Amino acid sequence: MRNDIRGALIALPFLLLTAACSSDPAPPGAVTADEEQQLNEAAAMLEANSIRLDEVATTDGNVQ
């Protein structure tokens, strides 16, 4: 019986360490709030720098 307790005490820190490492609140591949904000800022910047094709059309109707 004493060996069972000793084995459990040896395994306990490893189990706690494993549980602590796997307690990630976001699933793998999920976008974090910070990443989402960066993506939104990049999209806004791209949209602000975009041009409309009808604004660059030549007089003969061809797009340059």
PDB file of N, CA and C in Angstrom:
ATOM      1  N   MET A   1       0.824  -1.180   0.000  1.00  0.00           N
ATOM      2  CA  MET A   1       0.000   0.000   0.000  1.00  0.00           C
ATOM      3  C   MET A   1       0.875   1.253   0.000  1.00  0.00           C
ATOM      4  N   ARG A   2       1.967   1.198   0.690  1.00  0.00           N
ATOM      5  CA  ARG A   2       2.865   2.349   0.782  1.00  0.00           C
ATOM      6  C   ARG A   2       3.453   2.691  -0.586  1.00  0.00           C
ATOM      7  N   ASN A   3       3.741   1.697  -1.407  1.00  0.00           N
ATOM      8  CA  ASN A   3       4.261   1.934  -2.752  1.00  0.00           C
ATOM      9  C   ASN A   3       3.219   2.600  -3.644  1.00  0.00           C
ATOM     10  N   ASP A   4       1.945   2.278  -3.432  1.00  0.00           N
ATOM     11  CA  ASP A   4       0.876   2.904  -4.208  1.00  0.00           C
ATOM     12  C   ASP A   4       0.817   4.406  -3.926  1.00  0.00           C
ATOM     13  N   ILE A   5       0.927   4.774  -2.675  1.00  0.00           N
ATOM     14  CA  ILE A   5       0.894   6.187  -2.300  1.00  0.00           C
ATOM     15  C   ILE A   5       2.127   6.900  -2.849  1.00  0.00           C
ATOM     16  N   ARG A   6       3.268   6.259  -2.746  1.00  0.00           N
ATOM     17  CA  ARG A   6       4.503   6.850  -3.244  1.00  0.00           C
ATOM     18  C   ARG A   6       4.420   7.062  -4.761  1.00  0.00           C
ATOM     19  N   GLY A   7       3.888   6.076  -5.474  1.00  0.00           N
ATOM     20  CA  GLY A   7       3.721   6.208  -6.921  1.00  0.00           C
ATOM     21  C   GLY A   7       2.769   7.331  -7.282  1.00  0.00           C
ATOM     22  N   ALA A   8       1.695   7.469  -6.518  1.00  0.00           N
ATOM     23  CA  ALA A   8       0.722   8.539  -6.770  1.00  0.00           C
ATOM     24  C   ALA A   8       1.353   9.904  -6.509  1.00  0.00           C
ATOM     25  N   LEU A   9       2.151  10.004  -5.465  1.00  0.00           N
ATOM     26  CA  LEU A   9       2.805  11.273  -5.158  1.00  0.00           C
ATOM     27  C   LEU A   9       3.846  11.644  -6.216  1.00  0.00           C
ATOM     28  N   ILE A  10       4.482  10.656  -6.800  1.00  0.00           N
ATOM     29  CA  ILE A  10       5.452  10.915  -7.859  1.00  0.00           C
ATOM     30  C   ILE A  10       4.731  11.358  -9.129  1.00  0.00           C
ATOM     31  N   ALA A  11       3.602  10.757  -9.431  1.00  0.00           N
ATOM     32  CA  ALA A  11       2.868  11.071 -10.660  1.00  0.00           C
ATOM     33  C   ALA A  11       2.082  12.373 -10.559  1.00  0.00           C
ATOM     34  N   LEU A  12       1.737  12.802  -9.368  1.00  0.00           N
ATOM     35  CA  LEU A  12       0.904  13.983  -9.184  1.00  0.00           C
ATOM     36  C   LEU A  12       1.477  15.257  -9.816  1.00  0.00           C
ATOM     37  N   PRO A  13       2.748  15.587  -9.596  1.00  0.00           N
ATOM     38  CA  PRO A  13       3.269  16.811 -10.233  1.00  0.00           C
ATOM     39  C   PRO A  13       3.209  16.761 -11.761  1.00  0.00           C
ATOM     40  N   PHE A  14       3.456  15.606 -12.338  1.00  0.00           N
ATOM     41  CA  PHE A  14       3.402  15.475 -13.789  1.00  0.00           C
ATOM     42  C   PHE A  14       1.973  15.647 -14.315  1.00  0.00           C
ATOM     43  N   LEU A  15       1.011  15.123 -13.583  1.00  0.00           N
ATOM     44  CA  LEU A  15      -0.380  15.281 -13.980  1.00  0.00           C
ATOM     45  C   LEU A  15      -0.817  16.744 -13.887  1.00  0.00           C
ATOM     46  N   LEU A  16      -0.399  17.418 -12.825  1.00  0.00           N
ATOM     47  CA  LEU A  16      -0.742  18.831 -12.666  1.00  0.00           C
ATOM     48  C   LEU A  16      -0.080  19.684 -13.746  1.00  0.00           C
ATOM     49  N   LEU A  17       1.160  19.364 -14.072  1.00  0.00           N
ATOM     50  CA  LEU A  17       1.867  20.096 -15.113  1.00  0.00           C
ATOM     51  C   LEU A  17       1.196  19.904 -16.465  1.00  0.00           C
ATOM     52  N   THR A  18       0.803  18.692 -16.766  1.00  0.00           N
ATOM     53  CA  THR A  18       0.127  18.400 -18.024  1.00  0.00           C
ATOM     54  C   THR A  18      -1.217  19.119 -18.096  1.00  0.00           C
ATOM     55  N   ALA A  19      -1.942  19.139 -17.012  1.00  0.00           N
ATOM     56  CA  ALA A  19      -3.240  19.814 -16.981  1.00  0.00           C
ATOM     57  C   ALA A  19      -3.064  21.322 -17.152  1.00  0.00           C
ATOM     58  N   ALA A  20      -2.033  21.880 -16.573  1.00  0.00           N
ATOM     59  CA  ALA A  20      -1.786  23.314 -16.696  1.00  0.00           C
ATOM     60  C   ALA A  20      -1.405  23.688 -18.119  1.00  0.00           C
ATOM     61  N   CYS A  21      -0.679  22.841 -18.792  1.00  0.00           N
ATOM     62  CA  CYS A  21      -0.256  23.134 -20.163  1.00  0.00           C
ATOM     63  C   CYS A  21      -1.407  23.028 -21.149  1.00  0.00           C
ATOM     64  N   SER A  22      -2.376  22.212 -20.863  1.00  0.00           N
ATOM     65  CA  SER A  22      -3.457  21.996 -21.821  1.00  0.00           C
ATOM     66  C   SER A  22      -4.697  22.824 -21.523  1.00  0.00           C
ATOM     67  N   SER A  23      -4.584  23.812 -20.657  1.00  0.00           N
ATOM     68  CA  SER A  23      -5.763  24.605 -20.303  1.00  0.00           C
ATOM     69  C   SER A  23      -5.867  25.859 -21.169  1.00  0.00           C
ATOM     70  N   ASP A  24      -5.584  25.738 -22.456  1.00  0.00           N
ATOM     71  CA  ASP A  24      -5.679  26.854 -23.390  1.00  0.00           C
ATOM     72  C   ASP A  24      -7.150  27.139 -23.661  1.00  0.00           C
ATOM     73  N   PRO A  25      -7.621  28.360 -23.401  1.00  0.00           N
ATOM     74  CA  PRO A  25      -9.040  28.656 -23.585  1.00  0.00           C
ATOM     75  C   PRO A  25      -9.475  28.705 -25.046  1.00  0.00           C
ATOM     76  N   ALA A  26      -8.562  29.026 -25.955  1.00  0.00           N
ATOM     77  CA  ALA A  26      -8.915  29.118 -27.371  1.00  0.00           C
ATOM     78  C   ALA A  26      -8.563  27.804 -28.079  1.00  0.00           C
ATOM     79  N   PRO A  27      -9.437  27.317 -28.928  1.00  0.00           N
ATOM     80  CA  PRO A  27      -9.118  26.096 -29.676  1.00  0.00           C
ATOM     81  C   PRO A  27      -8.000  26.366 -30.679  1.00  0.00           C
ATOM     82  N   PRO A  28      -7.286  25.343 -31.083  1.00  0.00           N
ATOM     83  CA  PRO A  28      -6.192  25.533 -32.036  1.00  0.00           C
ATOM     84  C   PRO A  28      -6.698  26.148 -33.333  1.00  0.00           C
ATOM     85  N   GLY A  29      -5.960  27.118 -33.834  1.00  0.00           N
ATOM     86  CA  GLY A  29      -6.344  27.772 -35.075  1.00  0.00           C
ATOM     87  C   GLY A  29      -7.299  28.934 -34.900  1.00  0.00           C
ATOM     88  N   ALA A  30      -7.749  29.172 -33.689  1.00  0.00           N
ATOM     89  CA  ALA A  30      -8.678  30.280 -33.443  1.00  0.00           C
ATOM     90  C   ALA A  30      -7.925  31.603 -33.453  1.00  0.00           C
ATOM     91  N   VAL A  31      -8.600  32.659 -33.838  1.00  0.00           N
ATOM     92  CA  VAL A  31      -8.010  33.988 -33.878  1.00  0.00           C
ATOM     93  C   VAL A  31      -8.198  34.645 -32.514  1.00  0.00           C
ATOM     94  N   THR A  32      -7.112  35.158 -31.958  1.00  0.00           N
ATOM     95  CA  THR A  32      -7.205  35.833 -30.670  1.00  0.00           C
ATOM     96  C   THR A  32      -7.773  37.229 -30.873  1.00  0.00           C
ATOM     97  N   ALA A  33      -8.147  37.875 -29.792  1.00  0.00           N
ATOM     98  CA  ALA A  33      -8.715  39.229 -29.872  1.00  0.00           C
ATOM     99  C   ALA A  33      -7.696  40.199 -30.453  1.00  0.00           C
ATOM    100  N   ASP A  34      -6.434  40.052 -30.082  1.00  0.00           N
ATOM    101  CA  ASP A  34      -5.384  40.922 -30.609  1.00  0.00           C
ATOM    102  C   ASP A  34      -5.192  40.712 -32.107  1.00  0.00           C
ATOM    103  N   GLU A  35      -5.188  39.465 -32.532  1.00  0.00           N
ATOM    104  CA  GLU A  35      -5.059  39.164 -33.961  1.00  0.00           C
ATOM    105  C   GLU A  35      -6.265  39.688 -34.747  1.00  0.00           C
ATOM    106  N   GLU A  36      -7.444  39.567 -34.169  1.00  0.00           N
ATOM    107  CA  GLU A  36      -8.656  40.068 -34.832  1.00  0.00           C
ATOM    108  C   GLU A  36      -8.584  41.582 -35.018  1.00  0.00           C
ATOM    109  N   GLN A  37      -8.091  42.292 -33.995  1.00  0.00           N
ATOM    110  CA  GLN A  37      -7.944  43.742 -34.091  1.00  0.00           C
ATOM    111  C   GLN A  37      -6.931  44.105 -35.181  1.00  0.00           C
ATOM    112  N   GLN A  38      -5.827  43.377 -35.253  1.00  0.00           N
ATOM    113  CA  GLN A  38      -4.821  43.644 -36.274  1.00  0.00           C
ATOM    114  C   GLN A  38      -5.384  43.386 -37.673  1.00  0.00           C
ATOM    115  N   LEU A  39      -6.157  42.330 -37.823  1.00  0.00           N
ATOM    116  CA  LEU A  39      -6.774  42.044 -39.121  1.00  0.00           C
ATOM    117  C   LEU A  39      -7.766  43.133 -39.525  1.00  0.00           C
ATOM    118  N   ASN A  40      -8.550  43.603 -38.575  1.00  0.00           N
ATOM    119  CA  ASN A  40      -9.505  44.675 -38.858  1.00  0.00           C
ATOM    120  C   ASN A  40      -8.790  45.963 -39.259  1.00  0.00           C
ATOM    121  N   GLU A  41      -7.695  46.287 -38.570  1.00  0.00           N
ATOM    122  CA  GLU A  41      -6.931  47.479 -38.909  1.00  0.00           C
ATOM    123  C   GLU A  41      -6.316  47.352 -40.304  1.00  0.00           C
ATOM    124  N   ALA A  42      -5.799  46.179 -40.632  1.00  0.00           N
ATOM    125  CA  ALA A  42      -5.215  45.963 -41.959  1.00  0.00           C
ATOM    126  C   ALA A  42      -6.282  46.072 -43.043  1.00  0.00           C
ATOM    127  N   ALA A  43      -7.462  45.537 -42.793  1.00  0.00           N
ATOM    128  CA  ALA A  43      -8.548  45.618 -43.772  1.00  0.00           C
ATOM    129  C   ALA A  43      -8.983  47.066 -43.975  1.00  0.00           C
ATOM    130  N   ALA A  44      -9.058  47.821 -42.900  1.00  0.00           N
ATOM    131  CA  ALA A  44      -9.435  49.231 -43.011  1.00  0.00           C
ATOM    132  C   ALA A  44      -8.387  50.011 -43.788  1.00  0.00           C
ATOM    133  N   MET A  45      -7.114  49.702 -43.564  1.00  0.00           N
ATOM    134  CA  MET A  45      -6.045  50.380 -44.280  1.00  0.00           C
ATOM    135  C   MET A  45      -6.102  50.048 -45.772  1.00  0.00           C
ATOM    136  N   LEU A  46      -6.336  48.788 -46.101  1.00  0.00           N
ATOM    137  CA  LEU A  46      -6.434  48.394 -47.502  1.00  0.00           C
ATOM    138  C   LEU A  46      -7.630  49.062 -48.172  1.00  0.00           C
ATOM    139  N   GLU A  47      -8.727  49.122 -47.463  1.00  0.00           N
ATOM    140  CA  GLU A  47      -9.926  49.748 -48.025  1.00  0.00           C
ATOM    141  C   GLU A  47      -9.710  51.243 -48.239  1.00  0.00           C
ATOM    142  N   ALA A  48      -9.022  51.892 -47.315  1.00  0.00           N
ATOM    143  CA  ALA A  48      -8.761  53.324 -47.438  1.00  0.00           C
ATOM    144  C   ALA A  48      -7.836  53.617 -48.613  1.00  0.00           C
ATOM    145  N   ASN A  49      -6.945  52.669 -48.938  1.00  0.00           N
ATOM    146  CA  ASN A  49      -5.992  52.860 -50.032  1.00  0.00           C
ATOM    147  C   ASN A  49      -6.485  52.302 -51.355  1.00  0.00           C
ATOM    148  N   SER A  50      -7.676  51.755 -51.388  1.00  0.00           N
ATOM    149  CA  SER A  50      -8.173  51.154 -52.622  1.00  0.00           C
ATOM    150  C   SER A  50      -8.729  52.232 -53.539  1.00  0.00           C
ATOM    151  N   ILE A  51      -8.794  51.905 -54.828  1.00  0.00           N
ATOM    152  CA  ILE A  51      -9.342  52.832 -55.812  1.00  0.00           C
ATOM    153  C   ILE A  51     -10.455  52.131 -56.562  1.00  0.00           C
ATOM    154  N   ARG A  52     -11.359  52.927 -57.096  1.00  0.00           N
ATOM    155  CA  ARG A  52     -12.447  52.364 -57.897  1.00  0.00           C
ATOM    156  C   ARG A  52     -11.980  52.282 -59.335  1.00  0.00           C
ATOM    157  N   LEU A  53     -12.286  51.184 -60.002  1.00  0.00           N
ATOM    158  CA  LEU A  53     -11.844  51.000 -61.378  1.00  0.00           C
ATOM    159  C   LEU A  53     -12.479  52.013 -62.320  1.00  0.00           C
ATOM    160  N   ASP A  54     -13.696  52.443 -62.051  1.00  0.00           N
ATOM    161  CA  ASP A  54     -14.321  53.416 -62.946  1.00  0.00           C
ATOM    162  C   ASP A  54     -13.679  54.798 -62.831  1.00  0.00           C
ATOM    163  N   GLU A  55     -12.907  55.026 -61.779  1.00  0.00           N
ATOM    164  CA  GLU A  55     -12.207  56.294 -61.633  1.00  0.00           C
ATOM    165  C   GLU A  55     -10.929  56.346 -62.474  1.00  0.00           C
ATOM    166  N   VAL A  56     -10.391  55.188 -62.849  1.00  0.00           N
ATOM    167  CA  VAL A  56      -9.152  55.153 -63.621  1.00  0.00           C
ATOM    168  C   VAL A  56      -9.399  54.750 -65.068  1.00  0.00           C
ATOM    169  N   ALA A  57     -10.646  54.670 -65.476  1.00  0.00           N
ATOM    170  CA  ALA A  57     -10.957  54.291 -66.848  1.00  0.00           C
ATOM    171  C   ALA A  57     -10.556  55.419 -67.799  1.00  0.00           C
ATOM    172  N   THR A  58     -10.033  55.032 -68.954  1.00  0.00           N
ATOM    173  CA  THR A  58      -9.650  56.032 -69.951  1.00  0.00           C
ATOM    174  C   THR A  58     -10.885  56.502 -70.703  1.00  0.00           C
ATOM    175  N   THR A  59     -10.716  57.481 -71.555  1.00  0.00           N
ATOM    176  CA  THR A  59     -11.851  58.035 -72.283  1.00  0.00           C
ATOM    177  C   THR A  59     -12.447  57.050 -73.279  1.00  0.00           C
ATOM    178  N   ASP A  60     -11.643  56.056 -73.713  1.00  0.00           N
ATOM    179  CA  ASP A  60     -12.194  55.078 -74.667  1.00  0.00           C
ATOM    180  C   ASP A  60     -12.819  53.881 -73.946  1.00  0.00           C
ATOM    181  N   GLY A  61     -12.903  53.941 -72.618  1.00  0.00           N
ATOM    182  CA  GLY A  61     -13.563  52.889 -71.862  1.00  0.00           C
ATOM    183  C   GLY A  61     -12.643  51.767 -71.399  1.00  0.00           C
ATOM    184  N   ASN A  62     -11.372  51.808 -71.772  1.00  0.00           N
ATOM    185  CA  ASN A  62     -10.426  50.778 -71.330  1.00  0.00           C
ATOM    186  C   ASN A  62      -9.848  51.138 -69.979  1.00  0.00           C
ATOM    187  N   VAL A  63      -9.653  50.148 -69.168  1.00  0.00           N
ATOM    188  CA  VAL A  63      -9.070  50.353 -67.842  1.00  0.00           C
ATOM    189  C   VAL A  63      -7.571  50.265 -67.960  1.00  0.00           C
ATOM    190  N   GLN A  64      -6.876  51.205 -67.355  1.00  0.00           N
ATOM    191  CA  GLN A  64      -5.402  51.197 -67.402  1.00  0.00           C
ATOM    192  C   GLN A  64      -4.845  50.376 -66.285  1.00  0.00           C
TER     193      GLN A  64
END
